[in-house]
Amino acid sequence: MDPLSTQINVIQKIQQKHLLTERNNPTDFHILSVGLFLFSGKILSTQLQQVCKPSIIALVFALMPLFARSAYGQSQPIAVHEIAPFLGVYAPDRFETSTALGVRYHYHIDKRYTVGVLIGFARAKQDFLRRATSGLSLQPGSDRVFYHGARATHSFAAGKIEPYAIFHLGLTRLYDEQNFTYGFGLGTQVKINPKFSFRYEFLDYIFSSGRDRSAWTNKNIEVSLVLGYHL
């Protein structure tokens, strides 16, 4: 009788004892079950090594790149691109508050850092000043505000709710002047599902307007609600 047939006969005898033990002593039944499982696995492993050991080794090495690629893919974020229209309030320094709207784009470098760009539109009205002074304007030109630039964010925590810091560099067009702008802010992202997220942000855009003695530093505040769509 070959070794494999002998081992099969041993397993059959153990199985018969296995059934008797189940009826008489449940504790010994569980211990014997584990032993039978390990013994059977050892026999199967030995036979496979003898019969097709070279084939198994070749198959394992062939599949290793696939396993590695799968594990690497699972560690990456599901979506790295995010398109995020926003709506909020824009409070320009020395002018009246107005509605702000626009769109932001984020590129997710990893779970903590993003870089991107934004385009925003608002107004810096002087209606109250004109009414109070019979048409006097603090600054001549169009009251439309166009601001755009690059931004970077850093999340303080990774999870479903992520507070983060914002840094901004760009340009602001206000009353026919194009001004270099930098800004700082704070925000929070709430992940709704893999495709959508909700953000609320508070930013302070800082730049200089005017010339010579009429120059002043603007600190324009934006408070916005953002809906992100992850591509």
Protein backbone atom coordinates (compact mmCIF):
# COMPACT_ATOMS: atom_id res chain seq x y z
CA MET A 1 0.00 0.00 0.00
CA ASP A 2 1.42 3.41 -0.95
CA PRO A 3 1.96 6.12 1.71
CA LEU A 4 -0.98 8.19 0.50
CA SER A 5 -3.43 5.26 0.90
CA THR A 6 -2.09 4.57 4.39
CA GLN A 7 -2.60 8.19 5.41
CA ILE A 8 -6.16 8.18 4.04
CA ASN A 9 -6.98 5.07 6.11
CA VAL A 10 -5.65 6.85 9.22
CA ILE A 11 -7.88 9.82 8.54
CA GLN A 12 -10.94 7.56 8.10
CA LYS A 13 -10.29 5.88 11.48
CA ILE A 14 -9.89 9.27 13.14
CA GLN A 15 -13.18 10.39 11.59
CA GLN A 16 -15.00 7.39 13.10
CA LYS A 17 -13.60 8.21 16.52
CA HIS A 18 -14.46 11.83 15.80
CA LEU A 19 -18.19 10.98 15.52
CA LEU A 20 -18.19 8.92 18.74
CA THR A 21 -16.43 11.68 20.65
CA GLU A 22 -18.97 14.26 19.46
CA ARG A 23 -21.77 12.27 21.12
CA ASN A 24 -19.90 11.47 24.37
CA ASN A 25 -17.67 14.47 25.17
CA PRO A 26 -18.18 17.83 23.38
CA THR A 27 -14.91 19.31 24.77
CA ASP A 28 -12.75 16.49 23.44
CA PHE A 29 -14.73 16.73 20.20
CA HIS A 30 -13.50 20.30 19.55
CA ILE A 31 -9.90 19.44 20.40
CA LEU A 32 -9.97 16.43 18.07
CA SER A 33 -11.52 18.56 15.31
CA VAL A 34 -8.60 20.98 15.39
CA GLY A 35 -6.10 18.11 15.39
CA LEU A 36 -7.78 16.45 12.44
CA PHE A 37 -7.78 19.70 10.46
CA LEU A 38 -4.05 20.28 11.07
CA PHE A 39 -3.15 16.65 10.32
CA SER A 40 -5.11 16.67 7.05
CA GLY A 41 -3.52 19.93 5.98
CA LYS A 42 -0.05 18.57 6.67
CA ILE A 43 -0.74 15.46 4.56
CA LEU A 44 -2.09 17.55 1.67
CA SER A 45 0.90 19.88 1.83
CA THR A 46 3.36 16.96 1.78
CA GLN A 47 1.72 15.33 -1.23
CA LEU A 48 1.58 18.59 -3.15
CA GLN A 49 5.26 19.23 -2.49
CA GLN A 50 6.15 15.77 -3.79
CA VAL A 51 3.94 15.88 -6.87
CA CYS A 52 4.05 19.46 -8.12
CA LYS A 53 6.46 21.45 -5.96
CA PRO A 54 8.19 23.11 -8.96
CA SER A 55 4.83 24.11 -10.45
CA ILE A 56 3.60 25.63 -7.18
CA ILE A 57 6.80 27.64 -6.71
CA ALA A 58 6.60 28.92 -10.28
CA LEU A 59 2.95 29.88 -9.82
CA VAL A 60 3.66 31.75 -6.58
CA PHE A 61 6.45 33.76 -8.17
CA ALA A 62 4.26 34.51 -11.19
CA LEU A 63 1.44 35.83 -8.99
CA MET A 64 3.63 37.88 -6.63
CA PRO A 65 3.63 41.01 -8.87
CA LEU A 66 -0.16 40.81 -9.12
CA PHE A 67 -0.53 40.60 -5.33
CA ALA A 68 1.89 43.47 -4.87
CA ARG A 69 0.06 45.61 -7.42
CA SER A 70 -3.28 44.86 -5.75
CA ALA A 71 -1.96 45.78 -2.30
CA TYR A 72 -0.38 48.98 -3.64
CA GLY A 73 -3.61 49.98 -5.38
CA GLN A 74 -5.63 49.49 -2.20
CA SER A 75 -3.36 51.86 -0.29
CA GLN A 76 -3.95 54.72 -2.74
CA PRO A 77 -6.87 57.16 -2.43
CA ILE A 78 -9.94 56.22 -4.47
CA ALA A 79 -10.02 59.62 -6.22
CA VAL A 80 -7.25 62.21 -6.52
CA HIS A 81 -9.15 64.90 -8.48
CA GLU A 82 -11.89 66.99 -6.90
CA ILE A 83 -14.06 69.65 -8.56
CA ALA A 84 -15.73 71.84 -5.95
CA PRO A 85 -18.15 74.71 -6.72
CA PHE A 86 -18.69 77.07 -3.80
CA LEU A 87 -21.17 79.69 -2.61
CA GLY A 88 -20.64 82.05 0.28
CA VAL A 89 -20.20 85.55 1.63
CA TYR A 90 -17.41 87.95 0.62
CA ALA A 91 -16.66 90.81 3.01
CA PRO A 92 -14.22 93.27 1.42
CA ASP A 93 -12.36 95.70 3.64
CA ARG A 94 -14.03 99.18 3.59
CA PHE A 95 -16.78 98.00 1.23
CA GLU A 96 -20.13 96.26 1.55
CA THR A 97 -20.51 92.52 1.94
CA SER A 98 -21.72 90.57 -1.09
CA THR A 99 -22.30 87.04 -2.32
CA ALA A 100 -19.26 85.07 -3.46
CA LEU A 101 -19.35 82.18 -5.91
CA GLY A 102 -16.88 80.22 -7.96
CA VAL A 103 -15.16 76.88 -8.25
CA ARG A 104 -12.16 75.22 -6.68
CA TYR A 105 -10.06 72.31 -7.94
CA HIS A 106 -8.10 70.04 -5.58
CA TYR A 107 -5.47 67.46 -6.39
CA HIS A 108 -5.11 65.02 -3.49
CA ILE A 109 -1.41 64.21 -3.08
CA ASP A 110 -2.19 61.85 -0.20
CA LYS A 111 -4.60 61.65 2.73
CA ARG A 112 -3.24 64.82 4.34
CA TYR A 113 -2.16 67.20 1.55
CA THR A 114 -3.86 68.76 -1.47
CA VAL A 115 -2.87 71.41 -4.01
CA GLY A 116 -5.15 73.19 -6.43
CA VAL A 117 -6.53 76.35 -7.94
CA LEU A 118 -9.60 78.53 -7.51
CA ILE A 119 -11.64 81.13 -9.37
CA GLY A 120 -14.03 83.38 -7.47
CA PHE A 121 -16.40 86.26 -8.19
CA ALA A 122 -17.86 88.82 -5.80
CA ARG A 123 -18.62 92.54 -5.46
CA ALA A 124 -17.27 95.39 -3.38
CA LYS A 125 -20.25 97.72 -3.36
CA GLN A 126 -20.33 101.34 -2.17
CA ASP A 127 -24.09 101.89 -2.32
CA PHE A 128 -24.43 102.91 1.32
CA LEU A 129 -21.53 105.40 1.02
CA ARG A 130 -22.98 106.89 -2.15
CA ARG A 131 -26.38 107.36 -0.54
CA ALA A 132 -24.87 108.92 2.57
CA THR A 133 -22.57 111.31 0.66
CA SER A 134 -24.70 112.19 -2.38
CA GLY A 135 -22.79 110.00 -4.82
CA LEU A 136 -19.25 110.11 -3.39
CA SER A 137 -17.17 106.98 -4.09
CA LEU A 138 -14.30 105.74 -1.97
CA GLN A 139 -12.67 104.18 -5.03
CA PRO A 140 -13.50 104.78 -8.73
CA GLY A 141 -14.02 101.92 -11.13
CA SER A 142 -16.02 98.72 -11.33
CA ASP A 143 -17.15 97.14 -8.07
CA ARG A 144 -16.82 93.62 -9.49
CA VAL A 145 -14.20 91.50 -7.72
CA PHE A 146 -12.40 88.70 -9.56
CA TYR A 147 -9.94 86.65 -7.55
CA HIS A 148 -8.00 83.55 -8.56
CA GLY A 149 -4.85 81.70 -7.67
CA ALA A 150 -3.23 78.57 -6.28
CA ARG A 151 -3.87 76.98 -2.91
CA ALA A 152 -2.58 74.19 -0.71
CA THR A 153 -4.25 72.46 2.22
CA HIS A 154 -3.02 70.32 5.09
CA SER A 155 -5.44 68.11 7.02
CA PHE A 156 -4.93 67.79 10.77
CA ALA A 157 -6.67 64.39 10.88
CA ALA A 158 -7.66 61.73 8.35
CA GLY A 159 -11.18 60.35 8.56
CA LYS A 160 -14.76 61.10 7.69
CA ILE A 161 -14.47 64.61 9.20
CA GLU A 162 -11.18 66.37 8.41
CA PRO A 163 -10.26 69.86 9.68
CA TYR A 164 -7.52 71.49 7.62
CA ALA A 165 -5.44 74.64 7.12
CA ILE A 166 -5.35 76.60 3.85
CA PHE A 167 -2.64 78.72 2.22
CA HIS A 168 -3.41 80.84 -0.86
CA LEU A 169 -1.32 82.77 -3.42
CA GLY A 170 -2.92 84.61 -6.32
CA LEU A 171 -4.31 87.84 -7.76
CA THR A 172 -7.36 89.96 -6.94
CA ARG A 173 -8.88 92.43 -9.36
CA LEU A 174 -10.67 95.14 -7.39
CA TYR A 175 -11.73 98.54 -8.80
CA ASP A 176 -9.63 98.12 -11.94
CA GLU A 177 -6.50 97.23 -9.98
CA GLN A 178 -4.79 93.84 -10.20
CA ASN A 179 -3.19 93.09 -6.85
CA PHE A 180 -0.94 90.29 -5.65
CA THR A 181 -2.81 88.42 -2.90
CA TYR A 182 -1.90 85.94 -0.22
CA GLY A 183 -4.25 84.37 2.25
CA PHE A 184 -4.73 81.99 5.14
CA GLY A 185 -7.72 80.05 6.27
CA LEU A 186 -9.29 77.11 8.01
CA GLY A 187 -11.82 74.58 6.76
CA THR A 188 -13.49 71.28 7.47
CA GLN A 189 -14.30 68.50 5.02
CA VAL A 190 -17.16 66.08 5.69
CA LYS A 191 -17.09 63.00 3.45
CA ILE A 192 -20.57 62.00 2.32
CA ASN A 193 -19.59 59.02 0.14
CA PRO A 194 -16.66 58.11 -2.18
CA LYS A 195 -17.95 60.57 -4.83
CA PHE A 196 -19.15 63.57 -2.81
CA SER A 197 -17.92 65.63 0.11
CA PHE A 198 -19.01 68.81 1.83
CA ARG A 199 -16.69 71.59 3.01
CA TYR A 200 -17.03 74.86 4.85
CA GLU A 201 -14.15 77.32 4.79
CA PHE A 202 -13.08 80.62 6.33
CA LEU A 203 -10.37 82.59 4.46
CA ASP A 204 -8.66 85.95 4.84
CA TYR A 205 -7.31 87.38 1.56
CA ILE A 206 -4.67 90.08 2.12
CA PHE A 207 -3.44 92.57 -0.50
CA SER A 208 -2.67 96.28 -0.96
CA SER A 209 -4.81 98.76 -2.93
CA GLY A 210 -4.28 102.33 -4.03
CA ARG A 211 -1.05 104.25 -4.39
CA ASP A 212 1.14 106.50 -2.32
CA ARG A 213 -0.81 108.16 0.51
CA SER A 214 -4.10 106.62 -0.59
CA ALA A 215 -2.77 103.05 -0.35
CA TRP A 216 -4.20 100.69 2.25
CA THR A 217 -4.07 97.00 3.10
CA ASN A 218 -7.18 94.98 2.36
CA LYS A 219 -8.17 92.04 4.51
CA ASN A 220 -11.08 90.58 2.63
CA ILE A 221 -12.95 87.76 4.34
CA GLU A 222 -14.61 84.87 2.53
CA VAL A 223 -16.90 82.38 4.29
CA SER A 224 -18.09 79.68 1.92
CA LEU A 225 -19.87 76.36 1.59
CA VAL A 226 -18.28 73.93 -0.88
CA LEU A 227 -19.65 70.79 -2.54
CA GLY A 228 -16.89 68.53 -3.80
CA TYR A 229 -17.24 65.95 -6.57
CA HIS A 230 -14.41 63.39 -6.63
CA LEU A 231 -13.40 62.08 -10.06
